[in-house]
Amino acid sequence: MGRILRGLSLGMKSLLLHKLRSGLTVLGIVFGVAAVISMLAIAEGSSREAQERIRALGATNIIIRSVKPSEEAQASAGRPARILNYGLKYDDYERILATVPTIRKVLPIREIRKGIRRYQYSLDGRVVGTTEDYAEFNMLEMERGRFLRAADNERYQNYAVLASITTP
């Protein structure tokens, strides 16, 4: 016990003899610990933000896309050069929904991309054929008007929702 007290006494005398050095050492330790804590807090915040963005994108969704066969693949398979009827159909949508019990929702989409031009202005456009669940799946908010409803699909009503998408 005496050795411990003697060591502490010697340490305190040394600290008091070299006040500037001791103060700068304490200041360095405080700044170092503060820097480490702030960096960890920033990293944790960005990690949570990234996870929220991924969750918002629908990372639990599975997307099944059909791709139109190339003309070379069609020719090598002995098929005519133009296939208009390809890919997943609306019956496939209903069959997937009925046969896979763990699926909560299915969203059928038919997308066509085309360039849109008017005078000297041009932009990439797309037409999306879908159901009323599209807005919820993509977390879209309407500025005005309304989105598609289940009744529109049941009555085979044709409606168009116009949108502009801005990228940050």
Protein backbone atom coordinates (compact mmCIF):
# COMPACT_ATOMS: atom_id res chain seq x y z
CA MET A 1 0.00 0.00 0.00
CA GLY A 2 2.85 2.33 0.77
CA ARG A 3 4.32 1.84 -2.68
CA ILE A 4 1.07 2.87 -4.33
CA LEU A 5 0.79 6.05 -2.23
CA ARG A 6 4.42 6.86 -2.91
CA GLY A 7 3.88 6.39 -6.67
CA LEU A 8 0.80 8.62 -6.65
CA SER A 9 2.61 11.28 -4.64
CA LEU A 10 5.55 11.24 -7.05
CA GLY A 11 3.17 11.49 -10.05
CA MET A 12 1.34 14.49 -8.58
CA LYS A 13 4.64 16.29 -7.84
CA SER A 14 5.76 15.68 -11.44
CA LEU A 15 2.46 17.02 -12.81
CA LEU A 16 2.70 20.15 -10.65
CA LEU A 17 6.32 20.77 -11.65
CA HIS A 18 5.51 20.61 -15.38
CA LYS A 19 2.15 22.40 -15.57
CA LEU A 20 2.28 23.40 -19.25
CA ARG A 21 3.27 19.91 -20.41
CA SER A 22 0.61 18.33 -18.19
CA GLY A 23 -2.08 20.72 -19.44
CA LEU A 24 -1.21 20.12 -23.08
CA THR A 25 -1.25 16.36 -22.49
CA VAL A 26 -4.70 16.52 -20.88
CA LEU A 27 -5.91 18.79 -23.71
CA GLY A 28 -4.60 16.32 -26.33
CA ILE A 29 -6.36 13.43 -24.62
CA VAL A 30 -9.65 15.35 -24.44
CA PHE A 31 -9.48 16.36 -28.12
CA GLY A 32 -8.49 12.83 -29.18
CA VAL A 33 -11.37 11.21 -27.30
CA ALA A 34 -13.82 13.85 -28.62
CA ALA A 35 -12.63 13.27 -32.20
CA VAL A 36 -13.04 9.50 -31.92
CA ILE A 37 -16.53 9.84 -30.40
CA SER A 38 -17.65 12.34 -33.06
CA MET A 39 -16.31 10.19 -35.91
CA LEU A 40 -18.14 7.15 -34.55
CA ALA A 41 -21.34 9.17 -34.23
CA ILE A 42 -21.04 10.44 -37.82
CA ALA A 43 -20.35 6.92 -39.12
CA GLU A 44 -23.34 5.51 -37.22
CA GLY A 45 -25.59 8.29 -38.53
CA SER A 46 -24.57 7.70 -42.16
CA SER A 47 -24.97 3.96 -41.72
CA ARG A 48 -28.53 4.43 -40.45
CA GLU A 49 -29.31 6.87 -43.27
CA ALA A 50 -28.02 4.38 -45.86
CA GLN A 51 -30.07 1.59 -44.30
CA GLU A 52 -33.19 3.77 -44.36
CA ARG A 53 -32.63 4.59 -48.03
CA ILE A 54 -32.23 0.90 -48.85
CA ARG A 55 -35.37 0.09 -46.87
CA ALA A 56 -37.21 2.87 -48.73
CA LEU A 57 -36.14 1.38 -52.05
CA GLY A 58 -37.90 -1.83 -51.11
CA ALA A 59 -34.98 -4.15 -50.49
CA THR A 60 -37.49 -6.84 -49.53
CA ASN A 61 -38.99 -6.78 -53.02
CA ILE A 62 -38.17 -9.31 -55.70
CA ILE A 63 -38.37 -8.07 -59.28
CA ILE A 64 -38.99 -10.52 -62.12
CA ARG A 65 -38.41 -9.04 -65.55
CA SER A 66 -38.90 -10.54 -68.94
CA VAL A 67 -36.59 -9.48 -71.71
CA LYS A 68 -37.53 -9.59 -75.35
CA PRO A 69 -35.37 -12.20 -77.13
CA SER A 70 -32.87 -10.75 -79.58
CA GLU A 71 -33.43 -11.33 -83.27
CA GLU A 72 -30.29 -13.50 -83.37
CA ALA A 73 -31.62 -15.75 -80.59
CA GLN A 74 -34.99 -15.99 -82.33
CA ALA A 75 -33.36 -16.90 -85.65
CA SER A 76 -31.16 -19.57 -84.04
CA ALA A 77 -34.23 -21.10 -82.38
CA GLY A 78 -35.98 -21.33 -85.77
CA ARG A 79 -38.64 -18.77 -84.85
CA PRO A 80 -39.89 -15.90 -86.98
CA ALA A 81 -37.88 -12.69 -86.76
CA ARG A 82 -40.62 -10.73 -84.95
CA ILE A 83 -42.09 -11.99 -81.68
CA LEU A 84 -44.74 -9.70 -80.30
CA ASN A 85 -46.08 -12.02 -77.61
CA TYR A 86 -43.31 -12.64 -75.08
CA GLY A 87 -42.70 -12.39 -71.35
CA LEU A 88 -44.92 -12.68 -68.31
CA LYS A 89 -48.67 -12.27 -68.75
CA TYR A 90 -51.44 -11.07 -66.44
CA ASP A 91 -52.39 -14.75 -65.87
CA ASP A 92 -48.83 -15.33 -64.59
CA TYR A 93 -49.31 -12.44 -62.17
CA GLU A 94 -52.48 -14.00 -60.76
CA ARG A 95 -50.89 -17.48 -60.63
CA ILE A 96 -47.84 -16.22 -58.70
CA LEU A 97 -50.09 -14.44 -56.22
CA ALA A 98 -52.27 -17.54 -55.75
CA THR A 99 -49.54 -20.20 -55.49
CA VAL A 100 -46.78 -18.63 -53.39
CA PRO A 101 -48.14 -18.23 -49.84
CA THR A 102 -45.34 -15.99 -48.50
CA ILE A 103 -45.94 -13.25 -51.07
CA ARG A 104 -47.87 -10.34 -49.63
CA LYS A 105 -48.28 -8.36 -52.84
CA VAL A 106 -47.46 -8.67 -56.52
CA LEU A 107 -47.13 -5.70 -58.82
CA PRO A 108 -47.43 -6.24 -62.57
CA ILE A 109 -45.68 -3.64 -64.71
CA ARG A 110 -45.33 -3.18 -68.44
CA GLU A 111 -42.82 -0.45 -69.23
CA ILE A 112 -42.01 1.13 -72.57
CA ARG A 113 -39.20 3.67 -72.89
CA LYS A 114 -39.23 6.16 -75.71
CA GLY A 115 -37.61 9.48 -76.48
CA ILE A 116 -40.01 12.43 -76.35
CA ARG A 117 -39.37 15.44 -78.58
CA ARG A 118 -41.06 18.76 -79.14
CA TYR A 119 -39.31 21.31 -81.29
CA GLN A 120 -35.73 21.53 -80.04
CA TYR A 121 -36.54 19.93 -76.65
CA SER A 122 -36.06 16.22 -76.03
CA LEU A 123 -36.05 13.94 -73.03
CA ASP A 124 -36.25 10.28 -72.15
CA GLY A 125 -39.79 9.22 -71.36
CA ARG A 126 -41.46 6.06 -70.26
CA VAL A 127 -44.96 4.69 -70.20
CA VAL A 128 -45.77 2.32 -67.34
CA GLY A 129 -48.80 0.07 -67.43
CA THR A 130 -49.55 -1.12 -63.90
CA THR A 131 -52.11 -1.45 -61.10
CA GLU A 132 -53.10 0.77 -58.18
CA ASP A 133 -50.34 -0.67 -55.93
CA TYR A 134 -47.56 1.02 -57.96
CA ALA A 135 -47.66 4.26 -55.95
CA GLU A 136 -47.34 2.40 -52.64
CA PHE A 137 -44.53 0.13 -53.88
CA ASN A 138 -42.52 3.11 -55.08
CA MET A 139 -43.52 5.40 -52.19
CA LEU A 140 -44.88 8.06 -54.51
CA GLU A 141 -46.82 11.07 -53.30
CA MET A 142 -49.39 12.83 -55.44
CA GLU A 143 -49.09 16.57 -55.73
CA ARG A 144 -52.63 16.86 -57.06
CA GLY A 145 -55.26 14.64 -58.61
CA ARG A 146 -55.40 10.94 -57.86
CA PHE A 147 -53.58 7.76 -58.66
CA LEU A 148 -55.13 4.61 -60.11
CA ARG A 149 -57.80 2.80 -58.09
CA ALA A 150 -58.81 -0.87 -57.96
CA ALA A 151 -62.15 0.05 -59.56
CA ASP A 152 -60.31 1.45 -62.61
CA ASN A 153 -58.70 -1.94 -63.19
CA GLU A 154 -61.87 -3.94 -62.50
CA ARG A 155 -63.89 -1.84 -64.99
CA TYR A 156 -61.01 -1.82 -67.51
CA GLN A 157 -60.97 1.98 -67.34
CA ASN A 158 -58.11 3.70 -69.12
CA TYR A 159 -56.48 6.42 -67.05
CA ALA A 160 -53.16 8.20 -67.32
CA VAL A 161 -51.13 9.56 -64.43
CA LEU A 162 -48.66 12.21 -65.55
CA ALA A 163 -45.52 12.61 -63.52
CA SER A 164 -42.19 14.28 -63.62
CA ILE A 165 -39.35 12.75 -61.72
CA THR A 166 -36.55 14.93 -60.51
CA THR A 167 -33.28 13.44 -59.43
CA PRO A 168 -31.39 15.00 -56.52
